[in-house]
PDB file of N, CA and C in Angstrom:
ATOM      1  N   MET A   1     -24.679 -75.859 -73.445  1.00  0.00           N
ATOM      2  CA  MET A   1     -23.530 -75.884 -74.334  1.00  0.00           C
ATOM      3  C   MET A   1     -23.397 -77.452 -74.170  1.00  0.00           C
ATOM      4  N   ASP A   2     -22.889 -77.851 -75.907  1.00  0.00           N
ATOM      5  CA  ASP A   2     -22.373 -79.102 -75.950  1.00  0.00           C
ATOM      6  C   ASP A   2     -21.190 -79.082 -76.774  1.00  0.00           C
ATOM      7  N   GLU A   3     -20.973 -80.357 -76.555  1.00  0.00           N
ATOM      8  CA  GLU A   3     -18.763 -80.426 -76.813  1.00  0.00           C
ATOM      9  C   GLU A   3     -18.972 -79.763 -78.223  1.00  0.00           C
ATOM     10  N   LEU A   4     -19.680 -79.255 -78.950  1.00  0.00           N
ATOM     11  CA  LEU A   4     -19.314 -79.013 -80.316  1.00  0.00           C
ATOM     12  C   LEU A   4     -19.169 -77.214 -80.513  1.00  0.00           C
ATOM     13  N   THR A   5     -20.050 -77.199 -79.456  1.00  0.00           N
ATOM     14  CA  THR A   5     -20.199 -75.731 -79.503  1.00  0.00           C
ATOM     15  C   THR A   5     -18.672 -75.416 -78.410  1.00  0.00           C
ATOM     16  N   ALA A   6     -18.259 -76.181 -77.559  1.00  0.00           N
ATOM     17  CA  ALA A   6     -17.493 -75.447 -76.728  1.00  0.00           C
ATOM     18  C   ALA A   6     -16.176 -75.408 -77.481  1.00  0.00           C
ATOM     19  N   LEU A   7     -16.133 -76.920 -78.503  1.00  0.00           N
ATOM     20  CA  LEU A   7     -14.872 -76.559 -79.007  1.00  0.00           C
ATOM     21  C   LEU A   7     -14.631 -75.727 -79.974  1.00  0.00           C
ATOM     22  N   ALA A   8     -15.885 -75.235 -80.860  1.00  0.00           N
ATOM     23  CA  ALA A   8     -15.748 -74.191 -81.339  1.00  0.00           C
ATOM     24  C   ALA A   8     -15.065 -72.938 -80.889  1.00  0.00           C
ATOM     25  N   ILE A   9     -15.868 -72.372 -79.821  1.00  0.00           N
ATOM     26  CA  ILE A   9     -15.588 -71.200 -79.102  1.00  0.00           C
ATOM     27  C   ILE A   9     -14.124 -71.678 -79.101  1.00  0.00           C
ATOM     28  N   LEU A  10     -13.420 -72.638 -78.434  1.00  0.00           N
ATOM     29  CA  LEU A  10     -12.170 -72.524 -78.585  1.00  0.00           C
ATOM     30  C   LEU A  10     -11.062 -72.456 -79.425  1.00  0.00           C
ATOM     31  N   ALA A  11     -11.913 -73.063 -81.227  1.00  0.00           N
ATOM     32  CA  ALA A  11     -10.811 -72.623 -81.931  1.00  0.00           C
ATOM     33  C   ALA A  11     -11.534 -71.635 -82.670  1.00  0.00           C
ATOM     34  N   ASN A  12     -12.247 -70.444 -82.191  1.00  0.00           N
ATOM     35  CA  ASN A  12     -12.418 -69.317 -82.741  1.00  0.00           C
ATOM     36  C   ASN A  12     -11.443 -68.500 -81.877  1.00  0.00           C
ATOM     37  N   THR A  13     -11.051 -68.370 -80.642  1.00  0.00           N
ATOM     38  CA  THR A  13     -10.419 -68.074 -79.842  1.00  0.00           C
ATOM     39  C   THR A  13      -9.118 -68.156 -80.768  1.00  0.00           C
ATOM     40  N   LEU A  14      -8.443 -69.452 -81.092  1.00  0.00           N
ATOM     41  CA  LEU A  14      -6.880 -69.533 -81.403  1.00  0.00           C
ATOM     42  C   LEU A  14      -7.110 -68.957 -82.543  1.00  0.00           C
ATOM     43  N   GLU A  15      -8.413 -68.798 -83.397  1.00  0.00           N
ATOM     44  CA  GLU A  15      -8.076 -67.965 -84.648  1.00  0.00           C
ATOM     45  C   GLU A  15      -7.934 -66.130 -84.530  1.00  0.00           C
ATOM     46  N   THR A  16      -8.654 -66.260 -83.869  1.00  0.00           N
ATOM     47  CA  THR A  16      -8.848 -64.717 -83.362  1.00  0.00           C
ATOM     48  C   THR A  16      -7.932 -64.252 -82.484  1.00  0.00           C
ATOM     49  N   CYS A  17      -7.052 -65.143 -82.074  1.00  0.00           N
ATOM     50  CA  CYS A  17      -6.430 -64.476 -80.933  1.00  0.00           C
ATOM     51  C   CYS A  17      -4.915 -63.560 -81.096  1.00  0.00           C
ATOM     52  N   LEU A  18      -4.624 -63.514 -82.181  1.00  0.00           N
ATOM     53  CA  LEU A  18      -3.914 -62.275 -82.945  1.00  0.00           C
ATOM     54  C   LEU A  18      -4.554 -61.148 -82.907  1.00  0.00           C
ATOM     55  N   ASN A  19      -5.400 -60.958 -83.374  1.00  0.00           N
ATOM     56  CA  ASN A  19      -6.735 -59.769 -83.647  1.00  0.00           C
ATOM     57  C   ASN A  19      -7.204 -59.440 -82.726  1.00  0.00           C
ATOM     58  N   THR A  20      -7.985 -59.640 -82.100  1.00  0.00           N
ATOM     59  CA  THR A  20      -8.882 -59.558 -80.975  1.00  0.00           C
ATOM     60  C   THR A  20      -8.828 -59.830 -79.461  1.00  0.00           C
ATOM     61  N   ASP A  21      -9.355 -58.913 -78.509  1.00  0.00           N
ATOM     62  CA  ASP A  21      -9.203 -59.032 -77.103  1.00  0.00           C
ATOM     63  C   ASP A  21     -10.207 -60.503 -76.837  1.00  0.00           C
ATOM     64  N   LEU A  22     -10.188 -61.624 -76.135  1.00  0.00           N
ATOM     65  CA  LEU A  22     -10.856 -62.308 -76.277  1.00  0.00           C
ATOM     66  C   LEU A  22     -12.025 -62.404 -75.093  1.00  0.00           C
ATOM     67  N   PRO A  23     -13.159 -62.870 -75.358  1.00  0.00           N
ATOM     68  CA  PRO A  23     -14.101 -62.968 -74.595  1.00  0.00           C
ATOM     69  C   PRO A  23     -14.154 -63.929 -73.339  1.00  0.00           C
ATOM     70  N   ALA A  24     -13.214 -63.732 -72.747  1.00  0.00           N
ATOM     71  CA  ALA A  24     -12.877 -64.508 -71.308  1.00  0.00           C
ATOM     72  C   ALA A  24     -13.856 -65.560 -70.796  1.00  0.00           C
ATOM     73  N   SER A  25     -15.133 -64.818 -70.371  1.00  0.00           N
ATOM     74  CA  SER A  25     -16.312 -65.484 -69.797  1.00  0.00           C
ATOM     75  C   SER A  25     -16.416 -66.758 -70.757  1.00  0.00           C
ATOM     76  N   GLU A  26     -16.590 -66.372 -71.724  1.00  0.00           N
ATOM     77  CA  GLU A  26     -17.052 -67.466 -72.669  1.00  0.00           C
ATOM     78  C   GLU A  26     -16.262 -68.330 -72.668  1.00  0.00           C
ATOM     79  N   VAL A  27     -14.911 -68.382 -73.098  1.00  0.00           N
ATOM     80  CA  VAL A  27     -13.597 -69.201 -73.053  1.00  0.00           C
ATOM     81  C   VAL A  27     -13.404 -70.262 -71.811  1.00  0.00           C
ATOM     82  N   PHE A  28     -13.636 -69.546 -71.041  1.00  0.00           N
ATOM     83  CA  PHE A  28     -13.767 -70.015 -69.130  1.00  0.00           C
ATOM     84  C   PHE A  28     -14.933 -70.883 -69.297  1.00  0.00           C
ATOM     85  N   ALA A  29     -16.061 -70.826 -69.993  1.00  0.00           N
ATOM     86  CA  ALA A  29     -17.307 -71.521 -69.648  1.00  0.00           C
ATOM     87  C   ALA A  29     -16.899 -73.094 -70.492  1.00  0.00           C
ATOM     88  N   ALA A  30     -16.617 -72.638 -71.581  1.00  0.00           N
ATOM     89  CA  ALA A  30     -16.258 -73.696 -72.560  1.00  0.00           C
ATOM     90  C   ALA A  30     -14.802 -74.525 -72.288  1.00  0.00           C
ATOM     91  N   LEU A  31     -13.990 -73.844 -71.503  1.00  0.00           N
ATOM     92  CA  LEU A  31     -13.098 -75.183 -71.089  1.00  0.00           C
ATOM     93  C   LEU A  31     -13.524 -75.880 -69.772  1.00  0.00           C
ATOM     94  N   SER A  32     -14.255 -75.331 -68.916  1.00  0.00           N
ATOM     95  CA  SER A  32     -14.600 -76.067 -67.550  1.00  0.00           C
ATOM     96  C   SER A  32     -15.543 -77.024 -68.086  1.00  0.00           C
ATOM     97  N   PHE A  33     -16.452 -76.654 -69.020  1.00  0.00           N
ATOM     98  CA  PHE A  33     -17.569 -77.503 -69.869  1.00  0.00           C
ATOM     99  C   PHE A  33     -16.681 -79.021 -70.105  1.00  0.00           C
ATOM    100  N   LEU A  34     -15.778 -78.967 -70.769  1.00  0.00           N
ATOM    101  CA  LEU A  34     -15.028 -79.826 -71.425  1.00  0.00           C
ATOM    102  C   LEU A  34     -14.356 -80.722 -70.638  1.00  0.00           C
ATOM    103  N   ALA A  35     -13.493 -80.029 -69.851  1.00  0.00           N
ATOM    104  CA  ALA A  35     -12.458 -80.435 -68.589  1.00  0.00           C
ATOM    105  C   ALA A  35     -13.651 -81.586 -68.240  1.00  0.00           C
ATOM    106  N   ALA A  36     -14.454 -80.860 -67.769  1.00  0.00           N
ATOM    107  CA  ALA A  36     -15.177 -82.076 -66.869  1.00  0.00           C
ATOM    108  C   ALA A  36     -15.568 -83.096 -67.185  1.00  0.00           C
ATOM    109  N   ARG A  37     -15.356 -83.178 -68.400  1.00  0.00           N
ATOM    110  CA  ARG A  37     -15.470 -84.597 -69.497  1.00  0.00           C
ATOM    111  C   ARG A  37     -14.530 -85.586 -69.459  1.00  0.00           C
ATOM    112  N   VAL A  38     -12.976 -85.149 -69.062  1.00  0.00           N
ATOM    113  CA  VAL A  38     -12.063 -85.840 -69.252  1.00  0.00           C
ATOM    114  C   VAL A  38     -11.266 -86.245 -67.947  1.00  0.00           C
ATOM    115  N   PRO A  39     -10.522 -87.250 -67.653  1.00  0.00           N
ATOM    116  CA  PRO A  39      -9.532 -86.566 -66.590  1.00  0.00           C
ATOM    117  C   PRO A  39      -8.653 -86.107 -66.553  1.00  0.00           C
ATOM    118  N   VAL A  40      -7.929 -86.031 -67.753  1.00  0.00           N
ATOM    119  CA  VAL A  40      -6.886 -85.414 -67.651  1.00  0.00           C
ATOM    120  C   VAL A  40      -6.959 -84.000 -67.986  1.00  0.00           C
ATOM    121  N   LYS A  41      -6.153 -83.184 -67.112  1.00  0.00           N
ATOM    122  CA  LYS A  41      -6.283 -81.564 -66.867  1.00  0.00           C
ATOM    123  C   LYS A  41      -5.601 -80.637 -67.718  1.00  0.00           C
ATOM    124  N   TRP A  42      -4.349 -81.012 -67.818  1.00  0.00           N
ATOM    125  CA  TRP A  42      -3.186 -80.167 -68.081  1.00  0.00           C
ATOM    126  C   TRP A  42      -3.421 -79.482 -69.382  1.00  0.00           C
ATOM    127  N   PRO A  43      -4.503 -80.122 -70.332  1.00  0.00           N
ATOM    128  CA  PRO A  43      -4.399 -79.054 -71.414  1.00  0.00           C
ATOM    129  C   PRO A  43      -5.357 -77.965 -71.257  1.00  0.00           C
ATOM    130  N   PHE A  44      -6.183 -77.676 -70.363  1.00  0.00           N
ATOM    131  CA  PHE A  44      -6.884 -76.984 -70.433  1.00  0.00           C
ATOM    132  C   PHE A  44      -6.534 -75.691 -69.450  1.00  0.00           C
ATOM    133  N   VAL A  45      -5.583 -76.621 -68.084  1.00  0.00           N
ATOM    134  CA  VAL A  45      -4.823 -75.443 -67.833  1.00  0.00           C
ATOM    135  C   VAL A  45      -3.741 -74.475 -68.739  1.00  0.00           C
ATOM    136  N   GLU A  46      -2.884 -75.359 -69.317  1.00  0.00           N
ATOM    137  CA  GLU A  46      -2.086 -74.525 -70.413  1.00  0.00           C
ATOM    138  C   GLU A  46      -3.457 -73.663 -71.360  1.00  0.00           C
ATOM    139  N   PHE A  47      -4.406 -74.043 -72.092  1.00  0.00           N
ATOM    140  CA  PHE A  47      -5.275 -72.887 -72.536  1.00  0.00           C
ATOM    141  C   PHE A  47      -5.075 -72.030 -71.792  1.00  0.00           C
ATOM    142  N   ARG A  48      -5.558 -72.063 -70.515  1.00  0.00           N
ATOM    143  CA  ARG A  48      -6.008 -71.001 -70.045  1.00  0.00           C
ATOM    144  C   ARG A  48      -4.805 -70.084 -69.580  1.00  0.00           C
ATOM    145  N   GLN A  49      -3.596 -70.604 -69.030  1.00  0.00           N
ATOM    146  CA  GLN A  49      -2.607 -69.954 -69.173  1.00  0.00           C
ATOM    147  C   GLN A  49      -2.094 -69.168 -70.324  1.00  0.00           C
ATOM    148  N   GLY A  50      -2.155 -69.806 -72.033  1.00  0.00           N
ATOM    149  CA  GLY A  50      -1.695 -69.546 -72.720  1.00  0.00           C
ATOM    150  C   GLY A  50      -2.454 -68.156 -72.913  1.00  0.00           C
ATOM    151  N   LEU A  51      -3.703 -68.102 -72.889  1.00  0.00           N
ATOM    152  CA  LEU A  51      -4.604 -66.862 -72.990  1.00  0.00           C
ATOM    153  C   LEU A  51      -3.657 -65.617 -72.439  1.00  0.00           C
ATOM    154  N   ASP A  52      -2.881 -65.623 -71.386  1.00  0.00           N
ATOM    155  CA  ASP A  52      -2.410 -64.707 -70.601  1.00  0.00           C
ATOM    156  C   ASP A  52      -1.017 -64.029 -71.485  1.00  0.00           C
ATOM    157  N   SER A  53      -0.331 -65.091 -72.149  1.00  0.00           N
ATOM    158  CA  SER A  53       0.966 -64.844 -72.855  1.00  0.00           C
ATOM    159  C   SER A  53       0.979 -63.202 -73.724  1.00  0.00           C
ATOM    160  N   GLY A  54       1.766 -62.760 -73.555  1.00  0.00           N
ATOM    161  CA  GLY A  54       1.912 -61.190 -73.750  1.00  0.00           C
ATOM    162  C   GLY A  54       2.434 -61.508 -75.209  1.00  0.00           C
ATOM    163  N   ASP A  55       3.125 -62.710 -75.625  1.00  0.00           N
ATOM    164  CA  ASP A  55       3.503 -62.763 -77.008  1.00  0.00           C
ATOM    165  C   ASP A  55       2.361 -63.234 -77.910  1.00  0.00           C
ATOM    166  N   GLU A  56       2.047 -62.533 -78.696  1.00  0.00           N
ATOM    167  CA  GLU A  56       1.127 -62.823 -79.940  1.00  0.00           C
ATOM    168  C   GLU A  56       1.344 -64.713 -80.359  1.00  0.00           C
ATOM    169  N   ILE A  57       2.424 -64.687 -81.086  1.00  0.00           N
ATOM    170  CA  ILE A  57       3.113 -65.550 -81.535  1.00  0.00           C
ATOM    171  C   ILE A  57       3.020 -66.987 -80.625  1.00  0.00           C
ATOM    172  N   VAL A  58       3.818 -66.667 -79.121  1.00  0.00           N
ATOM    173  CA  VAL A  58       3.745 -67.431 -78.705  1.00  0.00           C
ATOM    174  C   VAL A  58       2.375 -68.239 -77.783  1.00  0.00           C
ATOM    175  N   ARG A  59       1.508 -66.870 -77.674  1.00  0.00           N
ATOM    176  CA  ARG A  59      -0.188 -67.203 -77.499  1.00  0.00           C
ATOM    177  C   ARG A  59      -0.518 -68.358 -78.636  1.00  0.00           C
ATOM    178  N   ARG A  60      -0.392 -68.007 -79.560  1.00  0.00           N
ATOM    179  CA  ARG A  60      -1.174 -68.772 -80.598  1.00  0.00           C
ATOM    180  C   ARG A  60      -0.360 -70.310 -80.723  1.00  0.00           C
ATOM    181  N   GLN A  61       0.808 -70.649 -80.607  1.00  0.00           N
ATOM    182  CA  GLN A  61       1.335 -71.552 -80.223  1.00  0.00           C
ATOM    183  C   GLN A  61       0.762 -72.460 -79.018  1.00  0.00           C
ATOM    184  N   ILE A  62       0.195 -71.938 -78.479  1.00  0.00           N
ATOM    185  CA  ILE A  62       0.737 -72.453 -76.467  1.00  0.00           C
ATOM    186  C   ILE A  62      -0.966 -73.011 -76.954  1.00  0.00           C
ATOM    187  N   LEU A  63      -1.917 -71.778 -77.399  1.00  0.00           N
ATOM    188  CA  LEU A  63      -3.374 -72.244 -77.478  1.00  0.00           C
ATOM    189  C   LEU A  63      -3.590 -73.336 -78.538  1.00  0.00           C
ATOM    190  N   ASN A  64      -2.942 -73.791 -79.870  1.00  0.00           N
ATOM    191  CA  ASN A  64      -2.718 -74.268 -80.880  1.00  0.00           C
ATOM    192  C   ASN A  64      -2.844 -75.796 -80.326  1.00  0.00           C
ATOM    193  N   SER A  65      -1.334 -75.786 -79.557  1.00  0.00           N
ATOM    194  CA  SER A  65      -1.325 -77.083 -78.994  1.00  0.00           C
ATOM    195  C   SER A  65      -2.314 -77.718 -77.819  1.00  0.00           C
ATOM    196  N   ALA A  66      -2.596 -76.809 -76.815  1.00  0.00           N
ATOM    197  CA  ALA A  66      -3.802 -77.469 -76.071  1.00  0.00           C
ATOM    198  C   ALA A  66      -4.950 -77.579 -77.079  1.00  0.00           C
ATOM    199  N   LEU A  67      -5.200 -77.085 -77.750  1.00  0.00           N
ATOM    200  CA  LEU A  67      -6.398 -77.296 -78.300  1.00  0.00           C
ATOM    201  C   LEU A  67      -6.384 -78.938 -79.527  1.00  0.00           C
ATOM    202  N   ALA A  68      -5.239 -79.029 -79.951  1.00  0.00           N
ATOM    203  CA  ALA A  68      -5.557 -80.258 -80.061  1.00  0.00           C
ATOM    204  C   ALA A  68      -5.119 -81.211 -79.007  1.00  0.00           C
ATOM    205  N   ALA A  69      -4.547 -81.515 -78.305  1.00  0.00           N
ATOM    206  CA  ALA A  69      -4.312 -82.250 -76.577  1.00  0.00           C
ATOM    207  C   ALA A  69      -6.109 -82.326 -76.058  1.00  0.00           C
ATOM    208  N   ILE A  70      -6.596 -81.415 -76.165  1.00  0.00           N
ATOM    209  CA  ILE A  70      -7.822 -81.352 -76.175  1.00  0.00           C
ATOM    210  C   ILE A  70      -8.955 -82.029 -77.069  1.00  0.00           C
ATOM    211  N   LYS A  71      -8.688 -82.134 -78.146  1.00  0.00           N
ATOM    212  CA  LYS A  71      -9.512 -82.847 -78.912  1.00  0.00           C
ATOM    213  C   LYS A  71      -9.159 -84.237 -79.007  1.00  0.00           C
ATOM    214  N   LEU A  72      -7.957 -84.613 -78.971  1.00  0.00           N
ATOM    215  CA  LEU A  72      -7.307 -85.977 -78.486  1.00  0.00           C
ATOM    216  C   LEU A  72      -7.858 -86.605 -77.169  1.00  0.00           C
ATOM    217  N   LEU A  73      -8.167 -85.891 -76.183  1.00  0.00           N
ATOM    218  CA  LEU A  73      -8.555 -86.595 -75.312  1.00  0.00           C
ATOM    219  C   LEU A  73     -10.248 -86.985 -75.187  1.00  0.00           C
ATOM    220  N   LEU A  74     -10.691 -86.016 -76.331  1.00  0.00           N
ATOM    221  CA  LEU A  74     -12.266 -86.012 -76.374  1.00  0.00           C
ATOM    222  C   LEU A  74     -12.757 -87.165 -77.247  1.00  0.00           C
ATOM    223  N   ARG A  75     -11.785 -87.314 -77.988  1.00  0.00           N
ATOM    224  CA  ARG A  75     -12.028 -88.446 -79.231  1.00  0.00           C
ATOM    225  C   ARG A  75     -11.158 -89.513 -78.188  1.00  0.00           C
ATOM    226  N   ALA A  76     -10.411 -90.235 -77.542  1.00  0.00           N
ATOM    227  CA  ALA A  76      -9.978 -91.233 -76.872  1.00  0.00           C
ATOM    228  C   ALA A  76     -11.099 -91.417 -75.979  1.00  0.00           C
ATOM    229  N   ARG A  77     -11.960 -90.842 -74.974  1.00  0.00           N
ATOM    230  CA  ARG A  77     -13.134 -90.725 -74.415  1.00  0.00           C
ATOM    231  C   ARG A  77     -14.064 -91.320 -75.652  1.00  0.00           C
ATOM    232  N   GLN A  78     -14.611 -91.187 -76.227  1.00  0.00           N
ATOM    233  CA  GLN A  78     -15.307 -91.630 -77.068  1.00  0.00           C
ATOM    234  C   GLN A  78     -15.145 -92.885 -77.391  1.00  0.00           C
ATOM    235  N   ARG A  79     -14.383 -93.786 -77.387  1.00  0.00           N
ATOM    236  CA  ARG A  79     -13.825 -94.974 -78.237  1.00  0.00           C
ATOM    237  C   ARG A  79     -14.154 -96.196 -77.362  1.00  0.00           C
TER     238      ARG A  79
END
């Protein structure tokens, strides 16, 4: 897996979180892969916890904010 693939998995999870069951093992693998590359871990924890939200709207908001933070961390690391 590479970073682009892992980010695509998380983005797909965000886009489909209202309509389908999420493939947890693939999502968790992407989160673990990306988390190993940055020192700050809270966005990854937030994304994982957001997956368990019973409210679809809240789940989407949590995943969206966590994914945005993950992207910022990865960009900052590349500078």
